[in-house]
All heavy atoms as atom14 arrays in JSON, in Angstrom:
{
  "sequence": "LDVDILVNNAGIEIYSAFQNYSLKEMHSVMSVNLMAAIELTRLILPQM",
  "atom14_mask": [
    [1, 1, 1, 1, 1, 1, 1, 1, 0, 0, 0, 0, 0, 0],
    [1, 1, 1, 1, 1, 1, 1, 1, 0, 0, 0, 0, 0, 0],
    [1, 1, 1, 1, 1, 1, 1, 0, 0, 0, 0, 0, 0, 0],
    [1, 1, 1, 1, 1, 1, 1, 1, 0, 0, 0, 0, 0, 0],
    [1, 1, 1, 1, 1, 1, 1, 1, 0, 0, 0, 0, 0, 0],
    [1, 1, 1, 1, 1, 1, 1, 1, 0, 0, 0, 0, 0, 0],
    [1, 1, 1, 1, 1, 1, 1, 0, 0, 0, 0, 0, 0, 0],
    [1, 1, 1, 1, 1, 1, 1, 1, 0, 0, 0, 0, 0, 0],
    [1, 1, 1, 1, 1, 1, 1, 1, 0, 0, 0, 0, 0, 0],
    [1, 1, 1, 1, 1, 0, 0, 0, 0, 0, 0, 0, 0, 0],
    [1, 1, 1, 1, 0, 0, 0, 0, 0, 0, 0, 0, 0, 0],
    [1, 1, 1, 1, 1, 1, 1, 1, 0, 0, 0, 0, 0, 0],
    [1, 1, 1, 1, 1, 1, 1, 1, 1, 0, 0, 0, 0, 0],
    [1, 1, 1, 1, 1, 1, 1, 1, 0, 0, 0, 0, 0, 0],
    [1, 1, 1, 1, 1, 1, 1, 1, 1, 1, 1, 1, 0, 0],
    [1, 1, 1, 1, 1, 1, 0, 0, 0, 0, 0, 0, 0, 0],
    [1, 1, 1, 1, 1, 0, 0, 0, 0, 0, 0, 0, 0, 0],
    [1, 1, 1, 1, 1, 1, 1, 1, 1, 1, 1, 0, 0, 0],
    [1, 1, 1, 1, 1, 1, 1, 1, 1, 0, 0, 0, 0, 0],
    [1, 1, 1, 1, 1, 1, 1, 1, 0, 0, 0, 0, 0, 0],
    [1, 1, 1, 1, 1, 1, 1, 1, 1, 1, 1, 1, 0, 0],
    [1, 1, 1, 1, 1, 1, 0, 0, 0, 0, 0, 0, 0, 0],
    [1, 1, 1, 1, 1, 1, 1, 1, 0, 0, 0, 0, 0, 0],
    [1, 1, 1, 1, 1, 1, 1, 1, 1, 0, 0, 0, 0, 0],
    [1, 1, 1, 1, 1, 1, 1, 1, 1, 0, 0, 0, 0, 0],
    [1, 1, 1, 1, 1, 1, 1, 1, 0, 0, 0, 0, 0, 0],
    [1, 1, 1, 1, 1, 1, 1, 1, 1, 1, 0, 0, 0, 0],
    [1, 1, 1, 1, 1, 1, 0, 0, 0, 0, 0, 0, 0, 0],
    [1, 1, 1, 1, 1, 1, 1, 0, 0, 0, 0, 0, 0, 0],
    [1, 1, 1, 1, 1, 1, 1, 1, 0, 0, 0, 0, 0, 0],
    [1, 1, 1, 1, 1, 1, 0, 0, 0, 0, 0, 0, 0, 0],
    [1, 1, 1, 1, 1, 1, 1, 0, 0, 0, 0, 0, 0, 0],
    [1, 1, 1, 1, 1, 1, 1, 1, 0, 0, 0, 0, 0, 0],
    [1, 1, 1, 1, 1, 1, 1, 1, 0, 0, 0, 0, 0, 0],
    [1, 1, 1, 1, 1, 1, 1, 1, 0, 0, 0, 0, 0, 0],
    [1, 1, 1, 1, 1, 0, 0, 0, 0, 0, 0, 0, 0, 0],
    [1, 1, 1, 1, 1, 0, 0, 0, 0, 0, 0, 0, 0, 0],
    [1, 1, 1, 1, 1, 1, 1, 1, 0, 0, 0, 0, 0, 0],
    [1, 1, 1, 1, 1, 1, 1, 1, 1, 0, 0, 0, 0, 0],
    [1, 1, 1, 1, 1, 1, 1, 1, 0, 0, 0, 0, 0, 0],
    [1, 1, 1, 1, 1, 1, 1, 0, 0, 0, 0, 0, 0, 0],
    [1, 1, 1, 1, 1, 1, 1, 1, 1, 1, 1, 0, 0, 0],
    [1, 1, 1, 1, 1, 1, 1, 1, 0, 0, 0, 0, 0, 0],
    [1, 1, 1, 1, 1, 1, 1, 1, 0, 0, 0, 0, 0, 0],
    [1, 1, 1, 1, 1, 1, 1, 1, 0, 0, 0, 0, 0, 0],
    [1, 1, 1, 1, 1, 1, 1, 0, 0, 0, 0, 0, 0, 0],
    [1, 1, 1, 1, 1, 1, 1, 1, 1, 0, 0, 0, 0, 0],
    [1, 1, 1, 1, 1, 1, 1, 1, 0, 0, 0, 0, 0, 0]
  ],
  "atom14_positions": [
    [[0.85, -1.19, 0.0], [0.0, 0.0, 0.0], [0.89, 1.24, 0.0], [0.72, 2.16, 0.79], [-0.94, 0.01, 1.21], [-2.1, 1.03, 1.14], [-2.99, 0.75, -0.06], [-2.91, 1.0, 2.43], [0.0, 0.0, 0.0], [0.0, 0.0, 0.0], [0.0, 0.0, 0.0], [0.0, 0.0, 0.0], [0.0, 0.0, 0.0], [0.0, 0.0, 0.0]],
    [[1.86, 1.24, -0.9], [2.78, 2.37, -1.02], [2.22, 3.36, -2.03], [2.56, 3.35, -3.22], [4.16, 1.88, -1.44], [5.19, 2.99, -1.42], [4.86, 4.1, -0.95], [6.31, 2.76, -1.88], [0.0, 0.0, 0.0], [0.0, 0.0, 0.0], [0.0, 0.0, 0.0], [0.0, 0.0, 0.0], [0.0, 0.0, 0.0], [0.0, 0.0, 0.0]],
    [[1.3, 4.21, -1.56], [0.59, 5.16, -2.42], [1.16, 6.56, -2.21], [1.32, 7.02, -1.07], [-0.92, 5.16, -2.1], [-1.66, 6.2, -2.93], [-1.51, 3.77, -2.34], [0.0, 0.0, 0.0], [0.0, 0.0, 0.0], [0.0, 0.0, 0.0], [0.0, 0.0, 0.0], [0.0, 0.0, 0.0], [0.0, 0.0, 0.0], [0.0, 0.0, 0.0]],
    [[1.47, 7.23, -3.3], [2.02, 8.6, -3.23], [0.93, 9.66, -3.34], [1.01, 10.7, -2.69], [3.04, 8.81, -4.35], [4.19, 7.83, -4.27], [4.91, 7.87, -3.26], [4.35, 7.02, -5.2], [0.0, 0.0, 0.0], [0.0, 0.0, 0.0], [0.0, 0.0, 0.0], [0.0, 0.0, 0.0], [0.0, 0.0, 0.0], [0.0, 0.0, 0.0]],
    [[-0.07, 9.39, -4.18], [-1.1, 10.38, -4.46], [-2.47, 9.7, -4.48], [-2.65, 8.67, -5.11], [-0.86, 11.06, -5.83], [0.5, 11.78, -5.85], [-1.98, 12.03, -6.18], [0.98, 12.16, -7.24], [0.0, 0.0, 0.0], [0.0, 0.0, 0.0], [0.0, 0.0, 0.0], [0.0, 0.0, 0.0], [0.0, 0.0, 0.0], [0.0, 0.0, 0.0]],
    [[-3.42, 10.28, -3.77], [-4.81, 9.81, -3.8], [-5.67, 10.94, -4.36], [-5.65, 12.06, -3.84], [-5.29, 9.45, -2.4], [-6.8, 9.23, -2.24], [-7.28, 8.05, -3.07], [-7.15, 9.02, -0.76], [0.0, 0.0, 0.0], [0.0, 0.0, 0.0], [0.0, 0.0, 0.0], [0.0, 0.0, 0.0], [0.0, 0.0, 0.0], [0.0, 0.0, 0.0]],
    [[-6.41, 10.64, -5.43], [-7.33, 11.63, -6.0], [-8.76, 11.13, -5.81], [-9.18, 10.16, -6.45], [-7.05, 11.87, -7.5], [-8.0, 12.94, -8.04], [-5.6, 12.28, -7.72], [0.0, 0.0, 0.0], [0.0, 0.0, 0.0], [0.0, 0.0, 0.0], [0.0, 0.0, 0.0], [0.0, 0.0, 0.0], [0.0, 0.0, 0.0], [0.0, 0.0, 0.0]],
    [[-9.48, 11.78, -4.92], [-10.89, 11.47, -4.66], [-11.74, 12.21, -5.69], [-12.14, 13.36, -5.47], [-11.26, 11.88, -3.24], [-10.58, 11.03, -2.19], [-10.62, 9.81, -2.25], [-9.93, 11.68, -1.22], [0.0, 0.0, 0.0], [0.0, 0.0, 0.0], [0.0, 0.0, 0.0], [0.0, 0.0, 0.0], [0.0, 0.0, 0.0], [0.0, 0.0, 0.0]],
    [[-12.01, 11.55, -6.8], [-12.7, 12.18, -7.91], [-14.13, 11.68, -8.11], [-14.97, 12.42, -8.62], [-11.9, 11.96, -9.2], [-12.69, 12.34, -10.44], [-12.97, 13.5, -10.67], [-13.06, 11.34, -11.24], [0.0, 0.0, 0.0], [0.0, 0.0, 0.0], [0.0, 0.0, 0.0], [0.0, 0.0, 0.0], [0.0, 0.0, 0.0], [0.0, 0.0, 0.0]],
    [[-14.41, 10.44, -7.72], [-15.73, 9.86, -7.99], [-16.84, 10.74, -7.42], [-16.74, 11.24, -6.29], [-15.82, 8.45, -7.38], [0.0, 0.0, 0.0], [0.0, 0.0, 0.0], [0.0, 0.0, 0.0], [0.0, 0.0, 0.0], [0.0, 0.0, 0.0], [0.0, 0.0, 0.0], [0.0, 0.0, 0.0], [0.0, 0.0, 0.0], [0.0, 0.0, 0.0]],
    [[-17.9, 10.94, -8.21], [-19.0, 11.77, -7.74], [-20.27, 11.53, -8.53], [-20.23, 11.13, -9.7], [0.0, 0.0, 0.0], [0.0, 0.0, 0.0], [0.0, 0.0, 0.0], [0.0, 0.0, 0.0], [0.0, 0.0, 0.0], [0.0, 0.0, 0.0], [0.0, 0.0, 0.0], [0.0, 0.0, 0.0], [0.0, 0.0, 0.0], [0.0, 0.0, 0.0]],
    [[-21.41, 11.74, -7.89], [-22.7, 11.69, -8.57], [-23.51, 12.91, -8.17], [-23.26, 13.54, -7.13], [-23.47, 10.4, -8.25], [-23.76, 10.29, -6.74], [-22.74, 9.18, -8.76], [-24.68, 9.14, -6.4], [0.0, 0.0, 0.0], [0.0, 0.0, 0.0], [0.0, 0.0, 0.0], [0.0, 0.0, 0.0], [0.0, 0.0, 0.0], [0.0, 0.0, 0.0]],
    [[-24.51, 13.23, -9.0], [-25.33, 14.42, -8.79], [-26.76, 14.08, -9.17], [-27.01, 13.53, -10.25], [-24.79, 15.56, -9.65], [-25.29, 16.93, -9.29], [-24.5, 18.03, -10.01], [-23.72, 17.71, -10.94], [-24.65, 19.19, -9.63], [0.0, 0.0, 0.0], [0.0, 0.0, 0.0], [0.0, 0.0, 0.0], [0.0, 0.0, 0.0], [0.0, 0.0, 0.0]],
    [[-27.69, 14.35, -8.28], [-29.11, 14.11, -8.53], [-29.86, 15.42, -8.28], [-29.74, 16.0, -7.19], [-29.66, 13.0, -7.61], [-28.93, 11.67, -7.88], [-31.17, 12.81, -7.83], [-29.3, 10.56, -6.92], [0.0, 0.0, 0.0], [0.0, 0.0, 0.0], [0.0, 0.0, 0.0], [0.0, 0.0, 0.0], [0.0, 0.0, 0.0], [0.0, 0.0, 0.0]],
    [[-30.64, 15.85, -9.25], [-31.32, 17.14, -9.16], [-32.76, 16.94, -8.69], [-33.47, 16.07, -9.2], [-31.32, 17.85, -10.52], [-29.96, 17.85, -11.16], [-29.63, 16.94, -12.15], [-28.98, 18.72, -10.72], [-28.37, 16.91, -12.71], [-27.71, 18.71, -11.26], [-27.41, 17.79, -12.26], [-26.16, 17.76, -12.8], [0.0, 0.0, 0.0], [0.0, 0.0, 0.0]],
    [[-33.17, 17.76, -7.72], [-34.53, 17.64, -7.2], [-34.82, 18.8, -6.27], [-33.89, 19.37, -5.66], [-34.68, 16.32, -6.43], [-35.96, 16.21, -5.85], [0.0, 0.0, 0.0], [0.0, 0.0, 0.0], [0.0, 0.0, 0.0], [0.0, 0.0, 0.0], [0.0, 0.0, 0.0], [0.0, 0.0, 0.0], [0.0, 0.0, 0.0], [0.0, 0.0, 0.0]],
    [[-36.09, 19.18, -6.17], [-36.5, 20.02, -5.05], [-36.21, 19.22, -3.79], [-36.44, 18.0, -3.76], [-37.98, 20.37, -5.15], [0.0, 0.0, 0.0], [0.0, 0.0, 0.0], [0.0, 0.0, 0.0], [0.0, 0.0, 0.0], [0.0, 0.0, 0.0], [0.0, 0.0, 0.0], [0.0, 0.0, 0.0], [0.0, 0.0, 0.0], [0.0, 0.0, 0.0]],
    [[-35.73, 19.87, -2.75], [-35.23, 19.14, -1.59], [-36.25, 18.15, -1.03], [-35.93, 16.99, -0.74], [-34.81, 20.12, -0.49], [-34.49, 19.41, 0.8], [-33.37, 18.6, 0.9], [-35.34, 19.51, 1.89], [-33.08, 17.92, 2.07], [-35.06, 18.83, 3.06], [-33.92, 18.03, 3.15], [0.0, 0.0, 0.0], [0.0, 0.0, 0.0], [0.0, 0.0, 0.0]],
    [[-37.52, 18.59, -0.89], [-38.53, 17.73, -0.26], [-38.86, 16.5, -1.1], [-39.48, 15.55, -0.59], [-39.81, 18.53, 0.02], [-40.6, 18.97, -1.21], [-40.09, 20.29, -1.78], [-39.01, 20.76, -1.41], [-40.89, 20.89, -2.66], [0.0, 0.0, 0.0], [0.0, 0.0, 0.0], [0.0, 0.0, 0.0], [0.0, 0.0, 0.0], [0.0, 0.0, 0.0]],
    [[-38.42, 16.49, -2.34], [-38.73, 15.35, -3.21], [-37.62, 14.3, -3.27], [-37.78, 13.26, -3.92], [-39.03, 15.85, -4.63], [-40.29, 16.68, -4.69], [-41.19, 16.51, -3.87], [-40.37, 17.59, -5.65], [0.0, 0.0, 0.0], [0.0, 0.0, 0.0], [0.0, 0.0, 0.0], [0.0, 0.0, 0.0], [0.0, 0.0, 0.0], [0.0, 0.0, 0.0]],
    [[-36.5, 14.57, -2.62], [-35.45, 13.56, -2.56], [-35.93, 12.36, -1.74], [-36.62, 12.52, -0.73], [-34.19, 14.1, -1.89], [-33.3, 14.94, -2.75], [-33.21, 16.31, -2.55], [-32.51, 14.37, -3.75], [-32.38, 17.1, -3.33], [-31.68, 15.15, -4.53], [-31.62, 16.52, -4.32], [-30.8, 17.3, -5.09], [0.0, 0.0, 0.0], [0.0, 0.0, 0.0]],
    [[-35.53, 11.18, -2.15], [-35.76, 10.01, -1.32], [-34.54, 9.83, -0.41], [-33.45, 10.34, -0.7], [-35.93, 8.76, -2.19], [-34.72, 8.43, -2.85], [0.0, 0.0, 0.0], [0.0, 0.0, 0.0], [0.0, 0.0, 0.0], [0.0, 0.0, 0.0], [0.0, 0.0, 0.0], [0.0, 0.0, 0.0], [0.0, 0.0, 0.0], [0.0, 0.0, 0.0]],
    [[-34.72, 9.08, 0.66], [-33.6, 8.8, 1.56], [-32.51, 8.04, 0.8], [-31.3, 8.28, 1.0], [-34.08, 7.99, 2.76], [-33.0, 7.58, 3.78], [-32.31, 8.82, 4.35], [-33.63, 6.75, 4.89], [0.0, 0.0, 0.0], [0.0, 0.0, 0.0], [0.0, 0.0, 0.0], [0.0, 0.0, 0.0], [0.0, 0.0, 0.0], [0.0, 0.0, 0.0]],
    [[-32.91, 7.14, -0.08], [-31.95, 6.36, -0.87], [-31.09, 7.27, -1.74], [-29.87, 7.09, -1.85], [-32.68, 5.34, -1.74], [-31.76, 4.47, -2.57], [-32.55, 3.45, -3.39], [-31.62, 2.59, -4.23], [-32.38, 1.6, -5.05], [0.0, 0.0, 0.0], [0.0, 0.0, 0.0], [0.0, 0.0, 0.0], [0.0, 0.0, 0.0], [0.0, 0.0, 0.0]],
    [[-31.71, 8.27, -2.38], [-30.97, 9.2, -3.23], [-29.98, 10.02, -2.41], [-28.83, 10.21, -2.81], [-31.94, 10.12, -3.97], [-32.72, 9.44, -5.08], [-33.78, 10.32, -5.68], [-34.36, 11.17, -4.95], [-34.05, 10.18, -6.89], [0.0, 0.0, 0.0], [0.0, 0.0, 0.0], [0.0, 0.0, 0.0], [0.0, 0.0, 0.0], [0.0, 0.0, 0.0]],
    [[-30.44, 10.52, -1.26], [-29.56, 11.33, -0.41], [-28.38, 10.5, 0.09], [-27.24, 10.96, 0.08], [-30.35, 11.91, 0.77], [-31.39, 12.94, 0.36], [-32.13, 13.83, 1.76], [-33.0, 12.51, 2.59], [0.0, 0.0, 0.0], [0.0, 0.0, 0.0], [0.0, 0.0, 0.0], [0.0, 0.0, 0.0], [0.0, 0.0, 0.0], [0.0, 0.0, 0.0]],
    [[-28.66, 9.28, 0.49], [-27.6, 8.4, 0.99], [-26.6, 8.09, -0.12], [-25.38, 8.07, 0.12], [-28.21, 7.12, 1.53], [-27.24, 6.22, 2.2], [-26.52, 5.25, 1.52], [-26.82, 6.15, 3.5], [-25.73, 4.63, 2.36], [-25.88, 5.14, 3.57], [0.0, 0.0, 0.0], [0.0, 0.0, 0.0], [0.0, 0.0, 0.0], [0.0, 0.0, 0.0]],
    [[-27.08, 7.9, -1.33], [-26.21, 7.58, -2.46], [-25.24, 8.71, -2.76], [-24.04, 8.5, -2.92], [-27.07, 7.27, -3.7], [-26.25, 6.99, -4.81], [0.0, 0.0, 0.0], [0.0, 0.0, 0.0], [0.0, 0.0, 0.0], [0.0, 0.0, 0.0], [0.0, 0.0, 0.0], [0.0, 0.0, 0.0], [0.0, 0.0, 0.0], [0.0, 0.0, 0.0]],
    [[-25.75, 9.94, -2.82], [-24.9, 11.1, -3.11], [-23.88, 11.31, -2.0], [-22.69, 11.51, -2.27], [-25.76, 12.37, -3.3], [-24.87, 13.61, -3.43], [-26.64, 12.24, -4.54], [0.0, 0.0, 0.0], [0.0, 0.0, 0.0], [0.0, 0.0, 0.0], [0.0, 0.0, 0.0], [0.0, 0.0, 0.0], [0.0, 0.0, 0.0], [0.0, 0.0, 0.0]],
    [[-24.32, 11.24, -0.76], [-23.41, 11.44, 0.36], [-22.35, 10.33, 0.44], [-21.18, 10.6, 0.75], [-24.19, 11.51, 1.67], [-24.94, 12.81, 1.87], [-23.77, 14.2, 2.03], [-24.9, 15.52, 2.45], [0.0, 0.0, 0.0], [0.0, 0.0, 0.0], [0.0, 0.0, 0.0], [0.0, 0.0, 0.0], [0.0, 0.0, 0.0], [0.0, 0.0, 0.0]],
    [[-22.75, 9.11, 0.13], [-21.81, 7.99, 0.21], [-20.7, 8.13, -0.81], [-19.52, 7.98, -0.49], [-22.56, 6.66, -0.01], [-23.44, 6.4, 1.05], [0.0, 0.0, 0.0], [0.0, 0.0, 0.0], [0.0, 0.0, 0.0], [0.0, 0.0, 0.0], [0.0, 0.0, 0.0], [0.0, 0.0, 0.0], [0.0, 0.0, 0.0], [0.0, 0.0, 0.0]],
    [[-21.06, 8.41, -2.05], [-20.06, 8.5, -3.12], [-19.22, 9.75, -2.99], [-17.98, 9.71, -3.07], [-20.74, 8.45, -4.51], [-19.71, 8.68, -5.61], [-21.43, 7.1, -4.72], [0.0, 0.0, 0.0], [0.0, 0.0, 0.0], [0.0, 0.0, 0.0], [0.0, 0.0, 0.0], [0.0, 0.0, 0.0], [0.0, 0.0, 0.0], [0.0, 0.0, 0.0]],
    [[-19.87, 10.89, -2.81], [-19.18, 12.18, -2.87], [-18.38, 12.52, -1.62], [-17.37, 13.22, -1.69], [-20.17, 13.31, -3.12], [-20.86, 13.2, -4.47], [-20.64, 12.26, -5.22], [-21.7, 14.16, -4.78], [0.0, 0.0, 0.0], [0.0, 0.0, 0.0], [0.0, 0.0, 0.0], [0.0, 0.0, 0.0], [0.0, 0.0, 0.0], [0.0, 0.0, 0.0]],
    [[-18.84, 12.02, -0.48], [-18.21, 12.43, 0.78], [-17.63, 11.25, 1.57], [-16.42, 11.2, 1.81], [-19.22, 13.18, 1.64], [-18.74, 13.67, 3.01], [-17.55, 14.59, 2.88], [-19.88, 14.35, 3.77], [0.0, 0.0, 0.0], [0.0, 0.0, 0.0], [0.0, 0.0, 0.0], [0.0, 0.0, 0.0], [0.0, 0.0, 0.0], [0.0, 0.0, 0.0]],
    [[-18.47, 10.3, 1.95], [-18.01, 9.25, 2.85], [-16.98, 8.33, 2.22], [-16.04, 7.89, 2.9], [-19.21, 8.44, 3.36], [-20.12, 9.21, 4.3], [-19.21, 10.01, 5.67], [-18.46, 8.6, 6.47], [0.0, 0.0, 0.0], [0.0, 0.0, 0.0], [0.0, 0.0, 0.0], [0.0, 0.0, 0.0], [0.0, 0.0, 0.0], [0.0, 0.0, 0.0]],
    [[-17.11, 8.04, 0.93], [-16.12, 7.18, 0.27], [-14.75, 7.85, 0.26], [-13.73, 7.2, 0.49], [-16.56, 6.85, -1.16], [0.0, 0.0, 0.0], [0.0, 0.0, 0.0], [0.0, 0.0, 0.0], [0.0, 0.0, 0.0], [0.0, 0.0, 0.0], [0.0, 0.0, 0.0], [0.0, 0.0, 0.0], [0.0, 0.0, 0.0], [0.0, 0.0, 0.0]],
    [[-14.73, 9.16, -0.01], [-13.46, 9.9, -0.02], [-12.83, 9.91, 1.37], [-11.62, 9.71, 1.53], [-13.7, 11.33, -0.5], [0.0, 0.0, 0.0], [0.0, 0.0, 0.0], [0.0, 0.0, 0.0], [0.0, 0.0, 0.0], [0.0, 0.0, 0.0], [0.0, 0.0, 0.0], [0.0, 0.0, 0.0], [0.0, 0.0, 0.0], [0.0, 0.0, 0.0]],
    [[-13.65, 10.12, 2.39], [-13.15, 10.15, 3.76], [-12.6, 8.78, 4.17], [-11.52, 8.67, 4.74], [-14.26, 10.61, 4.73], [-14.58, 12.1, 4.49], [-13.86, 10.37, 6.18], [-15.74, 12.61, 5.33], [0.0, 0.0, 0.0], [0.0, 0.0, 0.0], [0.0, 0.0, 0.0], [0.0, 0.0, 0.0], [0.0, 0.0, 0.0], [0.0, 0.0, 0.0]],
    [[-13.37, 7.72, 3.87], [-12.95, 6.38, 4.29], [-11.7, 5.93, 3.54], [-10.79, 5.35, 4.14], [-14.1, 5.4, 4.07], [-13.77, 3.94, 4.36], [-13.44, 3.64, 5.82], [-13.33, 4.59, 6.65], [-13.29, 2.45, 6.15], [0.0, 0.0, 0.0], [0.0, 0.0, 0.0], [0.0, 0.0, 0.0], [0.0, 0.0, 0.0], [0.0, 0.0, 0.0]],
    [[-11.65, 6.18, 2.25], [-10.47, 5.78, 1.47], [-9.23, 6.51, 1.98], [-8.16, 5.91, 2.13], [-10.7, 6.08, -0.01], [-9.71, 5.48, -1.01], [-9.52, 3.99, -0.81], [-10.17, 5.78, -2.44], [0.0, 0.0, 0.0], [0.0, 0.0, 0.0], [0.0, 0.0, 0.0], [0.0, 0.0, 0.0], [0.0, 0.0, 0.0], [0.0, 0.0, 0.0]],
    [[-9.39, 7.78, 2.28], [-8.28, 8.56, 2.83], [-7.86, 8.03, 4.2], [-6.66, 7.91, 4.49], [-8.66, 10.05, 2.94], [-9.03, 10.54, 1.65], [-7.5, 10.87, 3.48], [0.0, 0.0, 0.0], [0.0, 0.0, 0.0], [0.0, 0.0, 0.0], [0.0, 0.0, 0.0], [0.0, 0.0, 0.0], [0.0, 0.0, 0.0], [0.0, 0.0, 0.0]],
    [[-8.84, 7.7, 5.03], [-8.54, 7.18, 6.39], [-7.69, 5.92, 6.31], [-6.79, 5.72, 7.14], [-9.85, 6.9, 7.13], [-9.65, 6.47, 8.58], [-10.97, 6.15, 9.26], [-11.55, 4.91, 8.76], [-11.26, 3.7, 9.24], [-10.37, 3.58, 10.23], [-11.83, 2.62, 8.76], [0.0, 0.0, 0.0], [0.0, 0.0, 0.0], [0.0, 0.0, 0.0]],
    [[-7.96, 5.09, 5.32], [-7.25, 3.83, 5.2], [-5.88, 3.97, 4.54], [-4.98, 3.16, 4.8], [-8.1, 2.83, 4.42], [-9.42, 2.42, 5.1], [-10.27, 1.59, 4.15], [-9.15, 1.67, 6.39], [0.0, 0.0, 0.0], [0.0, 0.0, 0.0], [0.0, 0.0, 0.0], [0.0, 0.0, 0.0], [0.0, 0.0, 0.0], [0.0, 0.0, 0.0]],
    [[-5.72, 4.98, 3.71], [-4.45, 5.17, 3.0], [-3.49, 6.11, 3.75], [-2.28, 5.97, 3.66], [-4.72, 5.7, 1.57], [-5.34, 4.59, 0.72], [-3.46, 6.23, 0.9], [-5.79, 5.03, -0.65], [0.0, 0.0, 0.0], [0.0, 0.0, 0.0], [0.0, 0.0, 0.0], [0.0, 0.0, 0.0], [0.0, 0.0, 0.0], [0.0, 0.0, 0.0]],
    [[-4.04, 7.03, 4.52], [-3.22, 8.04, 5.19], [-2.13, 7.47, 6.1], [-1.0, 7.99, 6.1], [-4.13, 8.99, 5.98], [-3.44, 10.12, 6.73], [-2.63, 11.0, 5.79], [-4.47, 10.95, 7.51], [0.0, 0.0, 0.0], [0.0, 0.0, 0.0], [0.0, 0.0, 0.0], [0.0, 0.0, 0.0], [0.0, 0.0, 0.0], [0.0, 0.0, 0.0]],
    [[-2.38, 6.4, 6.89], [-1.32, 5.93, 7.8], [0.0, 5.61, 7.1], [1.07, 5.93, 7.63], [-1.95, 4.67, 8.43], [-3.41, 4.97, 8.43], [-3.66, 5.7, 7.14], [0.0, 0.0, 0.0], [0.0, 0.0, 0.0], [0.0, 0.0, 0.0], [0.0, 0.0, 0.0], [0.0, 0.0, 0.0], [0.0, 0.0, 0.0], [0.0, 0.0, 0.0]],
    [[-0.05, 4.99, 5.91], [1.22, 4.68, 5.24], [1.88, 5.94, 4.68], [3.1, 6.0, 4.57], [1.01, 3.62, 4.15], [0.1, 3.98, 3.0], [0.81, 4.72, 1.88], [2.0, 4.56, 1.66], [0.06, 5.56, 1.18], [0.0, 0.0, 0.0], [0.0, 0.0, 0.0], [0.0, 0.0, 0.0], [0.0, 0.0, 0.0], [0.0, 0.0, 0.0]],
    [[1.09, 6.96, 4.35], [1.67, 8.24, 3.93], [2.39, 8.89, 5.12], [3.49, 9.43, 4.98], [0.58, 9.18, 3.4], [0.02, 8.82, 2.04], [-1.16, 10.07, 1.44], [-1.44, 9.5, -0.24], [0.0, 0.0, 0.0], [0.0, 0.0, 0.0], [0.0, 0.0, 0.0], [0.0, 0.0, 0.0], [0.0, 0.0, 0.0], [0.0, 0.0, 0.0]]
  ]
}
């Protein structure tokens, strides 16, 4: 796990009036755009 550079690029976007979002849609956007980047960084950072 000798990684020099991590680029958190993956992302999705869903357009909607806020009250019309489903919980599944909100969870999907947050998981890909935010939590995946945080978790991947958390796991790679120690070796850096």
